[in-house]
N, C-alpha and C. Protein backbone atom coordinates (compact mmCIF):
# COMPACT_ATOMS: atom_id res chain seq x y z
N MET A 1 2.62 13.66 -13.64
CA MET A 1 1.85 12.72 -12.85
C MET A 1 0.84 13.50 -12.01
N LYS A 2 -0.38 12.98 -11.93
CA LYS A 2 -1.40 13.68 -11.17
C LYS A 2 -1.19 13.49 -9.67
N TYR A 3 -1.79 14.38 -8.91
CA TYR A 3 -1.69 14.32 -7.45
C TYR A 3 -2.33 13.03 -6.94
N ARG A 4 -1.66 12.39 -5.99
CA ARG A 4 -2.21 11.19 -5.36
C ARG A 4 -2.34 11.45 -3.87
N SER A 5 -3.43 10.99 -3.31
CA SER A 5 -3.62 11.13 -1.87
C SER A 5 -2.79 10.08 -1.14
N ARG A 6 -2.64 10.29 0.16
CA ARG A 6 -1.92 9.29 0.98
C ARG A 6 -2.62 7.94 0.87
N MET A 7 -3.95 7.98 0.79
CA MET A 7 -4.72 6.73 0.70
C MET A 7 -4.41 6.01 -0.61
N ASP A 8 -4.28 6.74 -1.70
CA ASP A 8 -3.93 6.12 -2.98
C ASP A 8 -2.57 5.44 -2.90
N ILE A 9 -1.62 6.12 -2.27
CA ILE A 9 -0.27 5.56 -2.15
C ILE A 9 -0.26 4.34 -1.24
N VAL A 10 -0.97 4.42 -0.12
CA VAL A 10 -1.07 3.27 0.80
C VAL A 10 -1.67 2.07 0.06
N ASN A 11 -2.74 2.31 -0.70
CA ASN A 11 -3.37 1.22 -1.45
C ASN A 11 -2.41 0.61 -2.46
N THR A 12 -1.64 1.45 -3.14
CA THR A 12 -0.68 0.97 -4.12
C THR A 12 0.39 0.10 -3.46
N VAL A 13 0.91 0.55 -2.32
CA VAL A 13 1.94 -0.21 -1.60
C VAL A 13 1.37 -1.54 -1.13
N LEU A 14 0.20 -1.52 -0.52
CA LEU A 14 -0.40 -2.76 -0.01
C LEU A 14 -0.72 -3.72 -1.15
N GLU A 15 -1.21 -3.19 -2.25
CA GLU A 15 -1.54 -4.04 -3.40
C GLU A 15 -0.28 -4.67 -3.98
N SER A 16 0.78 -3.90 -4.09
CA SER A 16 2.02 -4.44 -4.67
C SER A 16 2.68 -5.47 -3.75
N ALA A 17 2.42 -5.38 -2.45
CA ALA A 17 3.05 -6.30 -1.49
C ALA A 17 2.18 -7.52 -1.16
N ARG A 18 1.11 -7.72 -1.88
CA ARG A 18 0.22 -8.86 -1.61
C ARG A 18 0.97 -10.19 -1.59
N THR A 19 1.83 -10.40 -2.55
CA THR A 19 2.51 -11.69 -2.67
C THR A 19 3.95 -11.66 -2.17
N GLY A 20 4.38 -10.51 -1.68
CA GLY A 20 5.75 -10.36 -1.20
C GLY A 20 6.60 -9.62 -2.22
N ILE A 21 7.31 -8.60 -1.74
CA ILE A 21 8.05 -7.74 -2.66
C ILE A 21 9.18 -7.04 -1.90
N SER A 22 10.23 -6.71 -2.60
CA SER A 22 11.35 -6.00 -1.97
C SER A 22 11.04 -4.51 -1.85
N ARG A 23 11.81 -3.84 -1.01
CA ARG A 23 11.64 -2.40 -0.80
C ARG A 23 11.83 -1.63 -2.11
N THR A 24 12.83 -2.02 -2.87
CA THR A 24 13.12 -1.34 -4.14
C THR A 24 11.96 -1.47 -5.12
N LYS A 25 11.38 -2.66 -5.20
CA LYS A 25 10.26 -2.86 -6.12
C LYS A 25 9.02 -2.09 -5.66
N ILE A 26 8.84 -1.98 -4.33
CA ILE A 26 7.74 -1.14 -3.82
C ILE A 26 7.97 0.30 -4.25
N MET A 27 9.20 0.76 -4.11
CA MET A 27 9.56 2.12 -4.49
C MET A 27 9.22 2.37 -5.95
N TYR A 28 9.58 1.47 -6.83
CA TYR A 28 9.32 1.63 -8.26
C TYR A 28 7.83 1.48 -8.59
N SER A 29 7.15 0.54 -7.98
CA SER A 29 5.74 0.32 -8.32
C SER A 29 4.85 1.47 -7.83
N ALA A 30 5.25 2.11 -6.74
CA ALA A 30 4.44 3.21 -6.20
C ALA A 30 4.97 4.58 -6.63
N TYR A 31 6.05 4.61 -7.40
CA TYR A 31 6.67 5.87 -7.86
C TYR A 31 6.99 6.79 -6.68
N LEU A 32 7.75 6.25 -5.72
CA LEU A 32 8.12 7.00 -4.53
C LEU A 32 9.64 7.15 -4.45
N SER A 33 10.07 8.20 -3.79
CA SER A 33 11.50 8.33 -3.50
C SER A 33 11.85 7.36 -2.37
N TYR A 34 13.15 7.22 -2.12
CA TYR A 34 13.57 6.34 -1.03
C TYR A 34 13.01 6.83 0.31
N ALA A 35 13.11 8.14 0.57
CA ALA A 35 12.62 8.70 1.84
C ALA A 35 11.12 8.49 1.99
N GLN A 36 10.37 8.71 0.92
CA GLN A 36 8.92 8.50 0.98
C GLN A 36 8.61 7.02 1.21
N THR A 37 9.32 6.16 0.53
CA THR A 37 9.10 4.72 0.68
C THR A 37 9.33 4.31 2.12
N MET A 38 10.41 4.76 2.72
CA MET A 38 10.71 4.40 4.10
C MET A 38 9.62 4.91 5.05
N GLU A 39 9.13 6.11 4.81
CA GLU A 39 8.06 6.68 5.65
C GLU A 39 6.80 5.83 5.57
N TYR A 40 6.41 5.45 4.36
CA TYR A 40 5.20 4.62 4.21
C TYR A 40 5.40 3.22 4.78
N LEU A 41 6.56 2.62 4.56
CA LEU A 41 6.81 1.28 5.08
C LEU A 41 6.79 1.27 6.61
N GLU A 42 7.39 2.27 7.23
CA GLU A 42 7.36 2.37 8.69
C GLU A 42 5.94 2.55 9.19
N PHE A 43 5.17 3.40 8.53
CA PHE A 43 3.78 3.64 8.92
C PHE A 43 2.94 2.37 8.80
N LEU A 44 3.04 1.69 7.66
CA LEU A 44 2.24 0.49 7.43
C LEU A 44 2.67 -0.66 8.33
N HIS A 45 3.97 -0.82 8.54
CA HIS A 45 4.47 -1.86 9.43
C HIS A 45 4.05 -1.58 10.87
N GLY A 46 4.16 -0.32 11.28
CA GLY A 46 3.79 0.07 12.64
C GLY A 46 2.33 -0.13 12.96
N ASN A 47 1.49 -0.08 11.92
CA ASN A 47 0.05 -0.27 12.11
C ASN A 47 -0.41 -1.69 11.79
N GLY A 48 0.55 -2.58 11.58
CA GLY A 48 0.23 -3.99 11.38
C GLY A 48 -0.36 -4.33 10.02
N LEU A 49 -0.19 -3.45 9.04
CA LEU A 49 -0.74 -3.70 7.71
C LEU A 49 0.26 -4.36 6.77
N LEU A 50 1.53 -4.31 7.18
CA LEU A 50 2.61 -4.86 6.37
C LEU A 50 3.58 -5.57 7.31
N LYS A 51 4.10 -6.71 6.88
CA LYS A 51 5.12 -7.39 7.68
C LYS A 51 6.41 -7.47 6.87
N TYR A 52 7.51 -7.57 7.59
CA TYR A 52 8.83 -7.60 6.97
C TYR A 52 9.57 -8.84 7.42
N ASP A 53 10.09 -9.59 6.47
CA ASP A 53 10.89 -10.76 6.76
C ASP A 53 12.35 -10.36 6.57
N SER A 54 13.08 -10.22 7.67
CA SER A 54 14.47 -9.74 7.60
C SER A 54 15.39 -10.76 6.93
N GLY A 55 15.03 -12.01 6.95
CA GLY A 55 15.86 -13.04 6.30
C GLY A 55 15.87 -12.89 4.79
N THR A 56 14.69 -12.70 4.22
CA THR A 56 14.58 -12.57 2.77
C THR A 56 14.49 -11.11 2.32
N LYS A 57 14.35 -10.20 3.27
CA LYS A 57 14.21 -8.75 2.99
C LYS A 57 12.99 -8.47 2.10
N ILE A 58 11.91 -9.15 2.44
CA ILE A 58 10.67 -9.04 1.67
C ILE A 58 9.56 -8.47 2.55
N TYR A 59 8.77 -7.57 1.98
CA TYR A 59 7.58 -7.02 2.63
C TYR A 59 6.37 -7.74 2.08
N LYS A 60 5.42 -8.02 2.96
CA LYS A 60 4.20 -8.71 2.54
C LYS A 60 3.01 -8.12 3.29
N THR A 61 1.91 -7.95 2.58
CA THR A 61 0.69 -7.43 3.18
C THR A 61 0.14 -8.46 4.17
N THR A 62 -0.21 -8.01 5.37
CA THR A 62 -0.76 -8.90 6.39
C THR A 62 -2.25 -9.11 6.14
N GLU A 63 -2.85 -9.99 6.93
CA GLU A 63 -4.29 -10.23 6.85
C GLU A 63 -5.04 -8.93 7.15
N LYS A 64 -4.57 -8.20 8.16
CA LYS A 64 -5.18 -6.91 8.50
C LYS A 64 -5.04 -5.94 7.32
N GLY A 65 -3.89 -5.96 6.66
CA GLY A 65 -3.66 -5.11 5.50
C GLY A 65 -4.59 -5.45 4.35
N LEU A 66 -4.84 -6.75 4.13
CA LEU A 66 -5.75 -7.18 3.08
C LEU A 66 -7.18 -6.74 3.37
N LYS A 67 -7.58 -6.82 4.64
CA LYS A 67 -8.92 -6.35 5.02
C LYS A 67 -9.04 -4.85 4.80
N PHE A 68 -7.99 -4.12 5.17
CA PHE A 68 -7.98 -2.68 4.95
C PHE A 68 -8.08 -2.36 3.46
N LEU A 69 -7.32 -3.07 2.65
CA LEU A 69 -7.32 -2.85 1.21
C LEU A 69 -8.70 -3.15 0.61
N ASN A 70 -9.31 -4.24 1.03
CA ASN A 70 -10.65 -4.57 0.55
C ASN A 70 -11.67 -3.51 0.94
N ALA A 71 -11.61 -3.04 2.18
CA ALA A 71 -12.54 -2.00 2.62
C ALA A 71 -12.32 -0.71 1.84
N SER A 72 -11.08 -0.36 1.62
CA SER A 72 -10.74 0.84 0.87
C SER A 72 -11.24 0.75 -0.57
N ASN A 73 -11.06 -0.40 -1.19
CA ASN A 73 -11.54 -0.60 -2.56
C ASN A 73 -13.06 -0.51 -2.63
N LYS A 74 -13.72 -1.02 -1.61
CA LYS A 74 -15.18 -0.96 -1.55
C LYS A 74 -15.65 0.50 -1.47
N VAL A 75 -15.01 1.28 -0.62
CA VAL A 75 -15.35 2.69 -0.49
C VAL A 75 -15.09 3.42 -1.80
N ASN A 76 -13.95 3.14 -2.43
CA ASN A 76 -13.64 3.78 -3.71
C ASN A 76 -14.67 3.46 -4.78
N ARG A 77 -15.15 2.21 -4.81
CA ARG A 77 -16.19 1.83 -5.78
C ARG A 77 -17.48 2.58 -5.48
N MET A 78 -17.86 2.70 -4.21
CA MET A 78 -19.08 3.42 -3.85
C MET A 78 -18.96 4.89 -4.23
N MET A 79 -17.80 5.48 -3.98
CA MET A 79 -17.60 6.89 -4.33
C MET A 79 -17.64 7.08 -5.83
N GLY A 80 -17.10 6.14 -6.57
CA GLY A 80 -17.13 6.21 -8.03
C GLY A 80 -18.54 6.09 -8.56
N ALA A 81 -19.36 5.23 -7.93
CA ALA A 81 -20.76 5.06 -8.35
C ALA A 81 -21.56 6.33 -8.06
N SER A 82 -21.26 7.00 -6.95
CA SER A 82 -22.03 8.22 -6.62
C SER A 82 -21.66 9.37 -7.53
N ASP A 83 -20.44 9.33 -8.13
CA ASP A 83 -20.04 10.38 -9.07
C ASP A 83 -20.85 10.33 -10.35
N LEU A 84 -21.41 9.17 -10.66
CA LEU A 84 -22.18 9.01 -11.88
C LEU A 84 -23.57 9.63 -11.78
N ASN A 85 -24.06 9.80 -10.57
CA ASN A 85 -25.41 10.35 -10.38
C ASN A 85 -25.46 11.83 -10.51
């Protein structure tokens, strides 16, 4: 597997949690260990990008998280376009 930046991993976690997802499924979709998953979930939850419903044990991307994801995707597209020049 190629090297992924923290930003790539954050984007993957936020994208996978758009509609609501369990911790285990986040771990599998982002190819992270349990310890890494917990670190990212704590970071994203602490910054208001992800919310956790303790009743259903589901993580979901917040409105702030969706805005962050959209901005990140926009930057990635611009960087990709500049690589072509």
